Amino acid sequence: GLARRAYGMRAGRLAQQSDVTHGRARRIEVDVDGASFNVDGEVCRCQPARFTLRAGGFEVVVT
């Protein structure tokens, strides 16, 4: 679960986990019914969640 994700992130190998989809984009939209998102430590319900990225800006993890 979450501990495995955290370890993968810390070890720099999250994208290598078998059930993780990895991609690159300048803009992404995540639309999951009933989901909340943790953005900079704040939990919010914003659907769909839209993220515009800057080079090296941040990582998005959807579990």
N, C-alpha and C. Protein backbone atom coordinates (compact mmCIF):
# COMPACT_ATOMS: atom_id res chain seq x y z
N GLY A 1 0.79 -1.18 0.00
CA GLY A 1 0.00 0.00 0.00
C GLY A 1 0.84 1.26 0.00
N LEU A 2 0.44 2.13 0.87
CA LEU A 2 1.04 3.47 0.94
C LEU A 2 2.51 3.42 1.36
N ALA A 3 2.85 2.51 2.27
CA ALA A 3 4.25 2.40 2.71
C ALA A 3 5.16 2.00 1.55
N ARG A 4 4.66 1.10 0.70
CA ARG A 4 5.45 0.69 -0.47
C ARG A 4 5.63 1.85 -1.43
N ARG A 5 4.59 2.67 -1.60
CA ARG A 5 4.69 3.85 -2.46
C ARG A 5 5.72 4.82 -1.89
N ALA A 6 5.64 5.06 -0.58
CA ALA A 6 6.57 5.99 0.06
C ALA A 6 8.01 5.51 -0.10
N TYR A 7 8.23 4.21 0.10
CA TYR A 7 9.58 3.67 -0.07
C TYR A 7 10.05 3.83 -1.51
N GLY A 8 9.17 3.55 -2.46
CA GLY A 8 9.52 3.70 -3.87
C GLY A 8 9.89 5.13 -4.21
N MET A 9 9.15 6.09 -3.64
CA MET A 9 9.46 7.51 -3.88
C MET A 9 10.82 7.86 -3.29
N ARG A 10 11.04 7.43 -2.05
CA ARG A 10 12.30 7.75 -1.38
C ARG A 10 13.49 7.12 -2.09
N ALA A 11 13.32 5.91 -2.60
CA ALA A 11 14.41 5.20 -3.27
C ALA A 11 14.57 5.62 -4.73
N GLY A 12 13.64 6.46 -5.22
CA GLY A 12 13.72 6.89 -6.61
C GLY A 12 13.30 5.81 -7.60
N ARG A 13 12.50 4.85 -7.12
CA ARG A 13 12.09 3.74 -7.98
C ARG A 13 10.57 3.57 -8.05
N LEU A 14 9.82 4.60 -7.76
CA LEU A 14 8.36 4.50 -7.78
C LEU A 14 7.86 4.07 -9.15
N ALA A 15 8.40 4.63 -10.21
CA ALA A 15 7.93 4.32 -11.57
C ALA A 15 8.21 2.88 -11.96
N GLN A 16 9.09 2.19 -11.25
CA GLN A 16 9.41 0.80 -11.57
C GLN A 16 8.46 -0.19 -10.90
N GLN A 17 7.59 0.27 -10.00
CA GLN A 17 6.62 -0.64 -9.38
C GLN A 17 5.62 -1.09 -10.43
N SER A 18 5.26 -2.38 -10.39
CA SER A 18 4.47 -3.00 -11.46
C SER A 18 3.10 -2.36 -11.68
N ASP A 19 2.49 -1.82 -10.64
CA ASP A 19 1.16 -1.25 -10.79
C ASP A 19 1.16 0.28 -10.85
N VAL A 20 2.28 0.86 -11.23
CA VAL A 20 2.42 2.32 -11.35
C VAL A 20 2.53 2.68 -12.83
N THR A 21 1.73 3.65 -13.23
CA THR A 21 1.84 4.19 -14.59
C THR A 21 2.63 5.48 -14.52
N HIS A 22 3.65 5.60 -15.34
CA HIS A 22 4.53 6.76 -15.31
C HIS A 22 4.45 7.48 -16.65
N GLY A 23 4.36 8.78 -16.61
CA GLY A 23 4.33 9.55 -17.84
C GLY A 23 4.85 10.95 -17.59
N ARG A 24 5.03 11.69 -18.66
CA ARG A 24 5.48 13.08 -18.56
C ARG A 24 4.52 13.95 -19.34
N ALA A 25 4.25 15.13 -18.79
CA ALA A 25 3.33 16.06 -19.47
C ALA A 25 3.53 17.45 -18.90
N ARG A 26 3.11 18.44 -19.65
CA ARG A 26 3.12 19.82 -19.14
C ARG A 26 1.84 20.13 -18.40
N ARG A 27 0.77 19.43 -18.77
CA ARG A 27 -0.52 19.65 -18.12
C ARG A 27 -1.23 18.31 -18.01
N ILE A 28 -1.79 18.03 -16.83
CA ILE A 28 -2.55 16.80 -16.66
C ILE A 28 -3.88 17.12 -16.00
N GLU A 29 -4.83 16.23 -16.20
CA GLU A 29 -6.14 16.34 -15.56
C GLU A 29 -6.46 14.98 -14.95
N VAL A 30 -6.83 14.98 -13.67
CA VAL A 30 -7.16 13.75 -12.96
C VAL A 30 -8.61 13.85 -12.54
N ASP A 31 -9.44 12.91 -12.98
CA ASP A 31 -10.86 12.93 -12.66
C ASP A 31 -11.26 11.58 -12.10
N VAL A 32 -11.37 11.50 -10.77
CA VAL A 32 -11.72 10.26 -10.09
C VAL A 32 -12.89 10.57 -9.15
N ASP A 33 -14.03 9.94 -9.39
CA ASP A 33 -15.21 10.20 -8.56
C ASP A 33 -14.92 9.97 -7.08
N GLY A 34 -15.29 10.95 -6.26
CA GLY A 34 -15.16 10.82 -4.81
C GLY A 34 -13.76 10.94 -4.26
N ALA A 35 -12.79 11.28 -5.09
CA ALA A 35 -11.40 11.34 -4.64
C ALA A 35 -11.07 12.71 -4.05
N SER A 36 -10.18 12.70 -3.08
CA SER A 36 -9.62 13.95 -2.59
C SER A 36 -8.14 13.94 -2.95
N PHE A 37 -7.55 15.12 -3.01
CA PHE A 37 -6.17 15.26 -3.44
C PHE A 37 -5.37 15.97 -2.36
N ASN A 38 -4.13 15.53 -2.14
CA ASN A 38 -3.22 16.18 -1.21
C ASN A 38 -2.28 17.02 -2.05
N VAL A 39 -2.45 18.33 -1.97
CA VAL A 39 -1.65 19.27 -2.76
C VAL A 39 -0.89 20.16 -1.79
N ASP A 40 0.42 20.03 -1.76
CA ASP A 40 1.27 20.79 -0.83
C ASP A 40 0.82 20.62 0.62
N GLY A 41 0.41 19.40 0.98
CA GLY A 41 0.01 19.13 2.35
C GLY A 41 -1.43 19.50 2.67
N GLU A 42 -2.14 20.08 1.74
CA GLU A 42 -3.54 20.45 1.94
C GLU A 42 -4.43 19.45 1.20
N VAL A 43 -5.44 18.93 1.88
CA VAL A 43 -6.38 18.00 1.25
C VAL A 43 -7.52 18.81 0.64
N CYS A 44 -7.79 18.58 -0.63
CA CYS A 44 -8.87 19.31 -1.29
C CYS A 44 -9.67 18.36 -2.17
N ARG A 45 -10.92 18.71 -2.38
CA ARG A 45 -11.78 17.99 -3.32
C ARG A 45 -12.00 18.93 -4.49
N CYS A 46 -11.30 18.69 -5.54
CA CYS A 46 -11.41 19.51 -6.74
C CYS A 46 -11.49 18.56 -7.92
N GLN A 47 -12.66 18.51 -8.54
CA GLN A 47 -12.85 17.53 -9.61
C GLN A 47 -13.36 18.20 -10.86
N PRO A 48 -12.74 17.99 -11.97
CA PRO A 48 -11.45 17.30 -12.07
C PRO A 48 -10.32 18.17 -11.55
N ALA A 49 -9.26 17.54 -11.09
CA ALA A 49 -8.08 18.27 -10.64
C ALA A 49 -7.21 18.53 -11.86
N ARG A 50 -6.84 19.78 -12.05
CA ARG A 50 -5.99 20.15 -13.19
C ARG A 50 -4.68 20.70 -12.66
N PHE A 51 -3.59 20.17 -13.20
CA PHE A 51 -2.26 20.58 -12.78
C PHE A 51 -1.49 21.04 -13.99
N THR A 52 -0.90 22.23 -13.91
CA THR A 52 0.00 22.72 -14.95
C THR A 52 1.39 22.70 -14.35
N LEU A 53 2.33 22.08 -15.04
CA LEU A 53 3.64 21.82 -14.49
C LEU A 53 4.72 22.74 -15.05
N ARG A 54 5.67 23.07 -14.20
CA ARG A 54 6.89 23.75 -14.63
C ARG A 54 8.01 22.72 -14.63
N ALA A 55 8.99 22.91 -15.45
CA ALA A 55 10.11 21.96 -15.54
C ALA A 55 10.69 21.72 -14.14
N GLY A 56 10.75 20.45 -13.74
CA GLY A 56 11.28 20.10 -12.43
C GLY A 56 10.41 20.54 -11.28
N GLY A 57 9.17 20.92 -11.56
CA GLY A 57 8.28 21.50 -10.56
C GLY A 57 7.86 20.57 -9.45
N PHE A 58 7.21 19.46 -9.78
CA PHE A 58 6.76 18.53 -8.76
C PHE A 58 6.35 17.21 -9.38
N GLU A 59 6.07 16.24 -8.51
CA GLU A 59 5.60 14.93 -8.95
C GLU A 59 4.16 14.76 -8.52
N VAL A 60 3.38 14.10 -9.33
CA VAL A 60 1.99 13.78 -9.00
C VAL A 60 1.90 12.28 -8.83
N VAL A 61 1.37 11.84 -7.70
CA VAL A 61 1.19 10.42 -7.43
C VAL A 61 -0.29 10.17 -7.26
N VAL A 62 -0.85 9.28 -8.06
CA VAL A 62 -2.26 8.91 -7.98
C VAL A 62 -2.31 7.46 -7.53
N THR A 63 -2.97 7.20 -6.39
CA THR A 63 -3.05 5.82 -5.90
C THR A 63 -4.48 5.37 -5.82
